[in-house]
Amino acid sequence: MGYIVRSPVRHYSGVTAGVQFSGGIGRTDDPHIADWMRSKGYEVSEDAPPEPPKEPKGKGGKTKEAGEK
Protein backbone atom coordinates (compact mmCIF):
# COMPACT_ATOMS: atom_id res chain seq x y z
CA MET A 1 0.00 0.00 0.00
CA GLY A 2 1.22 3.49 -0.75
CA TYR A 3 0.51 6.93 0.62
CA ILE A 4 -0.02 10.29 -1.02
CA VAL A 5 1.53 13.11 1.01
CA ARG A 6 0.56 16.77 0.55
CA SER A 7 2.98 19.36 1.83
CA PRO A 8 1.78 22.23 4.03
CA VAL A 9 3.68 24.44 1.56
CA ARG A 10 1.38 24.31 -1.47
CA HIS A 11 3.95 24.33 -4.31
CA TYR A 12 6.91 22.74 -2.51
CA SER A 13 9.30 20.77 -4.72
CA GLY A 14 12.18 18.94 -3.09
CA VAL A 15 12.96 15.98 -0.85
CA THR A 16 11.82 15.66 2.77
CA ALA A 17 12.44 12.51 4.84
CA GLY A 18 13.30 10.65 1.64
CA VAL A 19 10.04 11.61 -0.09
CA GLN A 20 10.30 13.45 -3.41
CA PHE A 21 7.77 16.29 -3.69
CA SER A 22 6.70 18.06 -6.85
CA GLY A 23 4.07 20.79 -6.72
CA GLY A 24 3.42 20.01 -3.06
CA ILE A 25 2.62 16.32 -3.62
CA GLY A 26 4.77 13.28 -2.84
CA ARG A 27 4.36 9.52 -2.46
CA THR A 28 5.76 6.92 -0.07
CA ASP A 29 5.20 3.24 0.65
CA ASP A 30 6.64 3.50 4.18
CA PRO A 31 3.92 3.69 6.88
CA HIS A 32 6.43 5.05 9.43
CA ILE A 33 7.35 7.96 7.16
CA ALA A 34 3.64 8.58 6.48
CA ASP A 35 2.91 8.71 10.24
CA TRP A 36 5.88 11.01 10.88
CA MET A 37 4.77 13.39 8.13
CA ARG A 38 1.20 13.38 9.45
CA SER A 39 2.56 14.37 12.89
CA LYS A 40 4.44 17.29 11.27
CA GLY A 41 1.34 18.75 9.61
CA TYR A 42 1.43 17.03 6.22
CA GLU A 43 -1.85 15.71 4.82
CA VAL A 44 -1.50 11.95 4.26
CA SER A 45 -3.99 9.68 2.49
CA GLU A 46 -3.89 6.11 1.26
CA ASP A 47 -3.06 5.72 -2.41
CA ALA A 48 -5.76 3.64 -4.10
CA PRO A 49 -4.38 0.69 -6.05
CA PRO A 50 -4.86 0.90 -9.82
CA GLU A 51 -7.85 -0.97 -11.21
CA PRO A 52 -7.02 -3.94 -13.43
CA PRO A 53 -7.75 -3.40 -17.14
CA LYS A 54 -11.04 -4.80 -18.39
CA GLU A 55 -10.90 -7.46 -21.07
CA PRO A 56 -12.69 -6.73 -24.34
CA LYS A 57 -15.82 -8.78 -24.95
CA GLY A 58 -17.46 -10.01 -28.13
CA LYS A 59 -21.11 -9.50 -29.12
CA GLY A 60 -23.64 -10.27 -26.44
CA GLY A 61 -21.18 -9.62 -23.62
CA LYS A 62 -19.45 -12.99 -23.99
CA THR A 63 -15.72 -13.36 -24.36
CA LYS A 64 -14.62 -14.94 -27.61
CA GLU A 65 -13.28 -18.47 -27.47
CA ALA A 66 -10.27 -19.50 -29.50
CA GLY A 67 -11.32 -20.36 -33.05
CA GLU A 68 -14.62 -18.42 -32.95
CA LYS A 69 -15.33 -15.82 -35.62
C-alpha atoms as a PDB file:
ATOM      1  CA  MET A   1       0.000   0.000   0.000  1.00  0.00           C
ATOM      2  CA  GLY A   2       1.218   3.485  -0.750  1.00  0.00           C
ATOM      3  CA  TYR A   3       0.505   6.927   0.622  1.00  0.00           C
ATOM      4  CA  ILE A   4      -0.018  10.291  -1.020  1.00  0.00           C
ATOM      5  CA  VAL A   5       1.525  13.110   1.009  1.00  0.00           C
ATOM      6  CA  ARG A   6       0.558  16.774   0.552  1.00  0.00           C
ATOM      7  CA  SER A   7       2.985  19.365   1.829  1.00  0.00           C
ATOM      8  CA  PRO A   8       1.776  22.233   4.028  1.00  0.00           C
ATOM      9  CA  VAL A   9       3.676  24.443   1.559  1.00  0.00           C
ATOM     10  CA  ARG A  10       1.377  24.307  -1.469  1.00  0.00           C
ATOM     11  CA  HIS A  11       3.955  24.333  -4.311  1.00  0.00           C
ATOM     12  CA  TYR A  12       6.911  22.742  -2.506  1.00  0.00           C
ATOM     13  CA  SER A  13       9.303  20.774  -4.715  1.00  0.00           C
ATOM     14  CA  GLY A  14      12.184  18.937  -3.092  1.00  0.00           C
ATOM     15  CA  VAL A  15      12.962  15.975  -0.846  1.00  0.00           C
ATOM     16  CA  THR A  16      11.823  15.656   2.770  1.00  0.00           C
ATOM     17  CA  ALA A  17      12.442  12.506   4.842  1.00  0.00           C
ATOM     18  CA  GLY A  18      13.300  10.655   1.644  1.00  0.00           C
ATOM     19  CA  VAL A  19      10.041  11.606  -0.085  1.00  0.00           C
ATOM     20  CA  GLN A  20      10.305  13.454  -3.413  1.00  0.00           C
ATOM     21  CA  PHE A  21       7.770  16.290  -3.686  1.00  0.00           C
ATOM     22  CA  SER A  22       6.697  18.056  -6.848  1.00  0.00           C
ATOM     23  CA  GLY A  23       4.071  20.786  -6.725  1.00  0.00           C
ATOM     24  CA  GLY A  24       3.420  20.008  -3.057  1.00  0.00           C
ATOM     25  CA  ILE A  25       2.620  16.315  -3.621  1.00  0.00           C
ATOM     26  CA  GLY A  26       4.770  13.279  -2.837  1.00  0.00           C
ATOM     27  CA  ARG A  27       4.364   9.521  -2.457  1.00  0.00           C
ATOM     28  CA  THR A  28       5.756   6.921  -0.071  1.00  0.00           C
ATOM     29  CA  ASP A  29       5.200   3.236   0.647  1.00  0.00           C
ATOM     30  CA  ASP A  30       6.638   3.499   4.179  1.00  0.00           C
ATOM     31  CA  PRO A  31       3.924   3.692   6.880  1.00  0.00           C
ATOM     32  CA  HIS A  32       6.428   5.048   9.431  1.00  0.00           C
ATOM     33  CA  ILE A  33       7.345   7.959   7.159  1.00  0.00           C
ATOM     34  CA  ALA A  34       3.636   8.578   6.483  1.00  0.00           C
ATOM     35  CA  ASP A  35       2.906   8.705  10.240  1.00  0.00           C
ATOM     36  CA  TRP A  36       5.880  11.011  10.876  1.00  0.00           C
ATOM     37  CA  MET A  37       4.773  13.388   8.132  1.00  0.00           C
ATOM     38  CA  ARG A  38       1.204  13.382   9.449  1.00  0.00           C
ATOM     39  CA  SER A  39       2.561  14.369  12.893  1.00  0.00           C
ATOM     40  CA  LYS A  40       4.441  17.289  11.273  1.00  0.00           C
ATOM     41  CA  GLY A  41       1.344  18.746   9.608  1.00  0.00           C
ATOM     42  CA  TYR A  42       1.434  17.032   6.220  1.00  0.00           C
ATOM     43  CA  GLU A  43      -1.848  15.709   4.824  1.00  0.00           C
ATOM     44  CA  VAL A  44      -1.501  11.954   4.262  1.00  0.00           C
ATOM     45  CA  SER A  45      -3.993   9.681   2.488  1.00  0.00           C
ATOM     46  CA  GLU A  46      -3.892   6.112   1.261  1.00  0.00           C
ATOM     47  CA  ASP A  47      -3.056   5.725  -2.407  1.00  0.00           C
ATOM     48  CA  ALA A  48      -5.761   3.639  -4.101  1.00  0.00           C
ATOM     49  CA  PRO A  49      -4.381   0.691  -6.054  1.00  0.00           C
ATOM     50  CA  PRO A  50      -4.862   0.902  -9.819  1.00  0.00           C
ATOM     51  CA  GLU A  51      -7.846  -0.972 -11.211  1.00  0.00           C
ATOM     52  CA  PRO A  52      -7.017  -3.936 -13.431  1.00  0.00           C
ATOM     53  CA  PRO A  53      -7.752  -3.405 -17.139  1.00  0.00           C
ATOM     54  CA  LYS A  54     -11.043  -4.805 -18.391  1.00  0.00           C
ATOM     55  CA  GLU A  55     -10.903  -7.464 -21.068  1.00  0.00           C
ATOM     56  CA  PRO A  56     -12.691  -6.733 -24.344  1.00  0.00           C
ATOM     57  CA  LYS A  57     -15.818  -8.784 -24.951  1.00  0.00           C
ATOM     58  CA  GLY A  58     -17.462 -10.012 -28.134  1.00  0.00           C
ATOM     59  CA  LYS A  59     -21.108  -9.497 -29.122  1.00  0.00           C
ATOM     60  CA  GLY A  60     -23.643 -10.269 -26.436  1.00  0.00           C
ATOM     61  CA  GLY A  61     -21.178  -9.615 -23.622  1.00  0.00           C
ATOM     62  CA  LYS A  62     -19.446 -12.985 -23.986  1.00  0.00           C
ATOM     63  CA  THR A  63     -15.720 -13.362 -24.358  1.00  0.00           C
ATOM     64  CA  LYS A  64     -14.620 -14.942 -27.611  1.00  0.00           C
ATOM     65  CA  GLU A  65     -13.285 -18.471 -27.471  1.00  0.00           C
ATOM     66  CA  ALA A  66     -10.274 -19.504 -29.503  1.00  0.00           C
ATOM     67  CA  GLY A  67     -11.322 -20.361 -33.049  1.00  0.00           C
ATOM     68  CA  GLU A  68     -14.615 -18.416 -32.952  1.00  0.00           C
ATOM     69  CA  LYS A  69     -15.326 -15.818 -35.624  1.00  0.00           C
END
